[in-house]
C-alpha atoms as a PDB file:
ATOM      1  CA  UNK A   1      -0.204   0.086   0.105  1.00  0.00           C
ATOM      2  CA  UNK A   2       1.033   3.517  -0.735  1.00  0.00           C
ATOM      3  CA  UNK A   3       0.813   6.136   1.898  1.00  0.00           C
ATOM      4  CA  UNK A   4       1.194   9.827   1.959  1.00  0.00           C
ATOM      5  CA  UNK A   5       3.067  11.953   4.735  1.00  0.00           C
ATOM      6  CA  UNK A   6       1.950  15.412   4.196  1.00  0.00           C
ATOM      7  CA  UNK A   7       3.384  18.542   5.781  1.00  0.00           C
ATOM      8  CA  UNK A   8       5.116  21.741   5.239  1.00  0.00           C
ATOM      9  CA  UNK A   9       8.272  20.612   6.853  1.00  0.00           C
ATOM     10  CA  UNK A  10       9.752  24.145   7.298  1.00  0.00           C
ATOM     11  CA  UNK A  11      12.159  23.024   8.446  1.00  0.00           C
ATOM     12  CA  UNK A  12      12.040  19.353   8.530  1.00  0.00           C
ATOM     13  CA  UNK A  13      12.920  18.056  12.080  1.00  0.00           C
ATOM     14  CA  UNK A  14      13.983  14.944  13.662  1.00  0.00           C
ATOM     15  CA  UNK A  15      10.215  14.526  14.931  1.00  0.00           C
ATOM     16  CA  UNK A  16       8.996  14.504  11.233  1.00  0.00           C
ATOM     17  CA  UNK A  17      11.690  12.235  10.222  1.00  0.00           C
ATOM     18  CA  UNK A  18      10.836   9.702  12.870  1.00  0.00           C
ATOM     19  CA  UNK A  19       7.295   9.578  11.622  1.00  0.00           C
ATOM     20  CA  UNK A  20       8.378   9.355   8.114  1.00  0.00           C
ATOM     21  CA  UNK A  21      10.740   6.553   9.090  1.00  0.00           C
ATOM     22  CA  UNK A  22       8.053   4.673  11.117  1.00  0.00           C
ATOM     23  CA  UNK A  23       5.590   5.094   8.274  1.00  0.00           C
ATOM     24  CA  UNK A  24       8.229   3.517   5.947  1.00  0.00           C
ATOM     25  CA  UNK A  25       8.333   0.523   8.056  1.00  0.00           C
ATOM     26  CA  UNK A  26       4.686   0.098   7.987  1.00  0.00           C
ATOM     27  CA  UNK A  27       3.810   0.693   4.302  1.00  0.00           C
ATOM     28  CA  UNK A  28       5.312  -0.469   1.077  1.00  0.00           C
ATOM     29  CA  UNK A  29       5.773   3.049  -0.279  1.00  0.00           C
ATOM     30  CA  UNK A  30       5.742   6.425   1.469  1.00  0.00           C
ATOM     31  CA  UNK A  31       5.380   9.563  -0.520  1.00  0.00           C
ATOM     32  CA  UNK A  32       6.170  12.773   1.376  1.00  0.00           C
ATOM     33  CA  UNK A  33       4.093  15.516   0.298  1.00  0.00           C
ATOM     34  CA  UNK A  34       5.821  18.918   0.861  1.00  0.00           C
ATOM     35  CA  UNK A  35       3.064  21.451   0.864  1.00  0.00           C
ATOM     36  CA  UNK A  36       2.230  25.157   1.216  1.00  0.00           C
ATOM     37  CA  UNK A  37      -0.144  26.635   3.658  1.00  0.00           C
ATOM     38  CA  UNK A  38      -1.074  30.050   2.731  1.00  0.00           C
ATOM     39  CA  UNK A  39      -1.394  31.148   6.474  1.00  0.00           C
ATOM     40  CA  UNK A  40       2.129  30.463   7.143  1.00  0.00           C
ATOM     41  CA  UNK A  41       5.462  32.322   6.777  1.00  0.00           C
ATOM     42  CA  UNK A  42       8.020  30.088   5.423  1.00  0.00           C
ATOM     43  CA  UNK A  43      11.651  30.194   6.292  1.00  0.00           C
ATOM     44  CA  UNK A  44      12.402  28.000   3.124  1.00  0.00           C
ATOM     45  CA  UNK A  45      10.723  28.176  -0.201  1.00  0.00           C
ATOM     46  CA  UNK A  46       8.887  25.030  -1.358  1.00  0.00           C
ATOM     47  CA  UNK A  47      11.835  23.752  -3.665  1.00  0.00           C
ATOM     48  CA  UNK A  48      14.243  24.113  -0.738  1.00  0.00           C
ATOM     49  CA  UNK A  49      12.245  22.203   1.637  1.00  0.00           C
ATOM     50  CA  UNK A  50      11.709  19.430  -0.958  1.00  0.00           C
ATOM     51  CA  UNK A  51      15.341  19.071  -1.281  1.00  0.00           C
ATOM     52  CA  UNK A  52      16.086  19.217   2.423  1.00  0.00           C
ATOM     53  CA  UNK A  53      13.540  16.283   2.903  1.00  0.00           C
ATOM     54  CA  UNK A  54      15.078  14.400   0.044  1.00  0.00           C
ATOM     55  CA  UNK A  55      18.478  14.695   1.496  1.00  0.00           C
ATOM     56  CA  UNK A  56      17.464  13.691   4.866  1.00  0.00           C
ATOM     57  CA  UNK A  57      15.231  10.660   3.871  1.00  0.00           C
ATOM     58  CA  UNK A  58      17.571   9.236   1.118  1.00  0.00           C
ATOM     59  CA  UNK A  59      18.672   6.489   3.447  1.00  0.00           C
ATOM     60  CA  UNK A  60      14.992   5.123   3.159  1.00  0.00           C
ATOM     61  CA  UNK A  61      14.600   3.258   0.009  1.00  0.00           C
ATOM     62  CA  UNK A  62      10.875   3.285  -0.101  1.00  0.00           C
ATOM     63  CA  UNK A  63      10.298   6.986   0.508  1.00  0.00           C
ATOM     64  CA  UNK A  64      10.076   9.473  -2.133  1.00  0.00           C
ATOM     65  CA  UNK A  65       9.347  13.271  -1.745  1.00  0.00           C
ATOM     66  CA  UNK A  66       7.177  15.579  -3.917  1.00  0.00           C
ATOM     67  CA  UNK A  67       5.862  19.296  -3.872  1.00  0.00           C
ATOM     68  CA  UNK A  68       2.083  19.313  -2.954  1.00  0.00           C
ATOM     69  CA  UNK A  69       0.220  22.131  -4.732  1.00  0.00           C
ATOM     70  CA  UNK A  70      -3.674  21.651  -4.339  1.00  0.00           C
ATOM     71  CA  UNK A  71      -5.857  19.111  -2.521  1.00  0.00           C
ATOM     72  CA  UNK A  72      -4.143  16.489  -0.672  1.00  0.00           C
ATOM     73  CA  UNK A  73      -6.920  13.855  -1.507  1.00  0.00           C
ATOM     74  CA  UNK A  74      -6.106  14.825  -5.267  1.00  0.00           C
ATOM     75  CA  UNK A  75      -2.378  14.364  -4.709  1.00  0.00           C
ATOM     76  CA  UNK A  76      -3.109  10.860  -3.003  1.00  0.00           C
ATOM     77  CA  UNK A  77      -5.235   9.649  -5.777  1.00  0.00           C
ATOM     78  CA  UNK A  78      -2.864  10.608  -8.542  1.00  0.00           C
ATOM     79  CA  UNK A  79      -0.338   8.604  -6.949  1.00  0.00           C
ATOM     80  CA  UNK A  80      -2.728   5.692  -5.968  1.00  0.00           C
ATOM     81  CA  UNK A  81      -2.329   6.186  -2.294  1.00  0.00           C
ATOM     82  CA  UNK A  82      -5.115   5.006  -0.017  1.00  0.00           C
ATOM     83  CA  UNK A  83      -3.733   6.309   3.238  1.00  0.00           C
ATOM     84  CA  UNK A  84      -2.348   9.400   4.797  1.00  0.00           C
ATOM     85  CA  UNK A  85      -0.034   9.244   7.666  1.00  0.00           C
ATOM     86  CA  UNK A  86      -0.127  12.110  10.316  1.00  0.00           C
ATOM     87  CA  UNK A  87       2.231  12.524  13.392  1.00  0.00           C
ATOM     88  CA  UNK A  88       0.442  13.908  16.422  1.00  0.00           C
ATOM     89  CA  UNK A  89       2.220  15.390  19.535  1.00  0.00           C
ATOM     90  CA  UNK A  90      -0.942  16.662  21.681  1.00  0.00           C
ATOM     91  CA  UNK A  91      -4.630  16.470  22.000  1.00  0.00           C
ATOM     92  CA  UNK A  92      -5.003  19.411  20.012  1.00  0.00           C
ATOM     93  CA  UNK A  93      -3.096  17.869  17.218  1.00  0.00           C
ATOM     94  CA  UNK A  94      -5.521  14.770  17.456  1.00  0.00           C
ATOM     95  CA  UNK A  95      -8.570  17.262  17.387  1.00  0.00           C
ATOM     96  CA  UNK A  96      -7.386  19.140  14.308  1.00  0.00           C
ATOM     97  CA  UNK A  97      -6.254  15.792  12.466  1.00  0.00           C
ATOM     98  CA  UNK A  98      -9.508  14.003  13.253  1.00  0.00           C
ATOM     99  CA  UNK A  99     -11.497  16.763  11.654  1.00  0.00           C
ATOM    100  CA  UNK A 100      -9.284  16.626   8.588  1.00  0.00           C
ATOM    101  CA  UNK A 101      -9.542  12.799   8.590  1.00  0.00           C
ATOM    102  CA  UNK A 102     -13.358  12.969   8.373  1.00  0.00           C
ATOM    103  CA  UNK A 103     -12.983  15.482   5.636  1.00  0.00           C
ATOM    104  CA  UNK A 104     -10.432  13.535   3.442  1.00  0.00           C
ATOM    105  CA  UNK A 105     -12.406  10.413   3.809  1.00  0.00           C
ATOM    106  CA  UNK A 106     -15.585  12.118   2.548  1.00  0.00           C
ATOM    107  CA  UNK A 107     -14.009  14.174  -0.087  1.00  0.00           C
ATOM    108  CA  UNK A 108     -11.300  11.694  -1.345  1.00  0.00           C
ATOM    109  CA  UNK A 109     -12.209   8.303   0.312  1.00  0.00           C
ATOM    110  CA  UNK A 110      -8.781   8.275   1.632  1.00  0.00           C
ATOM    111  CA  UNK A 111      -7.994   6.983   5.228  1.00  0.00           C
ATOM    112  CA  UNK A 112      -5.847   8.493   7.838  1.00  0.00           C
ATOM    113  CA  UNK A 113      -3.390   6.706  10.319  1.00  0.00           C
ATOM    114  CA  UNK A 114      -2.137   8.806  13.210  1.00  0.00           C
ATOM    115  CA  UNK A 115       1.126   7.949  14.611  1.00  0.00           C
ATOM    116  CA  UNK A 116       1.850   9.397  18.037  1.00  0.00           C
ATOM    117  CA  UNK A 117       5.123  11.318  18.261  1.00  0.00           C
ATOM    118  CA  UNK A 118       8.034   9.583  19.936  1.00  0.00           C
ATOM    119  CA  UNK A 119       8.487  10.918  23.503  1.00  0.00           C
ATOM    120  CA  UNK A 120      11.843  12.273  22.751  1.00  0.00           C
ATOM    121  CA  UNK A 121      10.313  14.481  20.046  1.00  0.00           C
ATOM    122  CA  UNK A 122       6.746  15.052  21.360  1.00  0.00           C
ATOM    123  CA  UNK A 123       7.246  18.545  22.306  1.00  0.00           C
ATOM    124  CA  UNK A 124       9.185  19.682  19.081  1.00  0.00           C
ATOM    125  CA  UNK A 125       7.627  21.837  16.443  1.00  0.00           C
ATOM    126  CA  UNK A 126       9.057  23.548  13.111  1.00  0.00           C
ATOM    127  CA  UNK A 127       7.605  26.808  14.525  1.00  0.00           C
ATOM    128  CA  UNK A 128       9.704  26.486  17.768  1.00  0.00           C
ATOM    129  CA  UNK A 129      12.731  25.891  15.650  1.00  0.00           C
ATOM    130  CA  UNK A 130      12.310  28.764  13.612  1.00  0.00           C
ATOM    131  CA  UNK A 131      11.599  30.983  16.413  1.00  0.00           C
ATOM    132  CA  UNK A 132      15.040  29.789  18.140  1.00  0.00           C
ATOM    133  CA  UNK A 133      16.646  30.150  14.828  1.00  0.00           C
ATOM    134  CA  UNK A 134      15.561  33.710  14.252  1.00  0.00           C
ATOM    135  CA  UNK A 135      17.353  34.895  17.260  1.00  0.00           C
ATOM    136  CA  UNK A 136      20.672  33.080  16.363  1.00  0.00           C
ATOM    137  CA  UNK A 137      20.012  30.055  18.711  1.00  0.00           C
ATOM    138  CA  UNK A 138      21.460  26.707  17.863  1.00  0.00           C
ATOM    139  CA  UNK A 139      18.916  24.216  16.627  1.00  0.00           C
ATOM    140  CA  UNK A 140      21.225  21.313  15.766  1.00  0.00           C
ATOM    141  CA  UNK A 141      19.650  19.180  18.459  1.00  0.00           C
ATOM    142  CA  UNK A 142      16.333  19.370  16.712  1.00  0.00           C
ATOM    143  CA  UNK A 143      17.155  18.923  13.182  1.00  0.00           C
ATOM    144  CA  UNK A 144      19.765  16.907  10.837  1.00  0.00           C
ATOM    145  CA  UNK A 145      23.094  18.575  10.338  1.00  0.00           C
ATOM    146  CA  UNK A 146      22.237  19.625   6.617  1.00  0.00           C
ATOM    147  CA  UNK A 147      18.914  21.377   7.695  1.00  0.00           C
ATOM    148  CA  UNK A 148      21.077  23.107  10.503  1.00  0.00           C
ATOM    149  CA  UNK A 149      23.450  24.443   8.122  1.00  0.00           C
ATOM    150  CA  UNK A 150      20.801  25.662   5.808  1.00  0.00           C
ATOM    151  CA  UNK A 151      19.025  27.350   8.634  1.00  0.00           C
ATOM    152  CA  UNK A 152      22.247  29.122   9.776  1.00  0.00           C
ATOM    153  CA  UNK A 153      22.741  30.126   6.132  1.00  0.00           C
ATOM    154  CA  UNK A 154      19.110  31.609   5.996  1.00  0.00           C
ATOM    155  CA  UNK A 155      19.056  33.257   9.517  1.00  0.00           C
ATOM    156  CA  UNK A 156      22.554  34.773   8.995  1.00  0.00           C
ATOM    157  CA  UNK A 157      20.702  36.781   6.252  1.00  0.00           C
ATOM    158  CA  UNK A 158      18.164  37.869   8.933  1.00  0.00           C
ATOM    159  CA  UNK A 159      20.676  38.870  11.284  1.00  0.00           C
ATOM    160  CA  UNK A 160      22.585  41.122   8.957  1.00  0.00           C
ATOM    161  CA  UNK A 161      19.389  42.699   7.780  1.00  0.00           C
ATOM    162  CA  UNK A 162      17.907  43.182  11.239  1.00  0.00           C
ATOM    163  CA  UNK A 163      21.272  43.666  13.156  1.00  0.00           C
END
């Protein structure tokens, strides 16, 4: 079965990668769908996020990465995927994802599997990583080295413009 792991991955964190790797162990093929949410301000452009997710999942042979533009259920249908995999950290994540699961089931006949975050990453979010990085903080404990380097390069530009 083909599964889709959707998200914005801005930036991709160890928590995201844990969910992706666990999904890769459960499903024959996993497509990581790197999407864009119009309500978010992004650190990285879509192409940069796709490249970082590709690089950090390259050791998983049954994982591919693609940009998502449009409805997630259409993306899943185009790839023959019958399931979405969502990582959840807190009850609020579950409440939101349950609503989305119901909509995606009705609109696109796709099921949703929710994987609880591993305890070590359960409080980690991309938003917090971006916030720490925006003030020059070290985020290397939360993201792979290649991502930490990309963040440092990006935020150095912020510090120079705003310093």
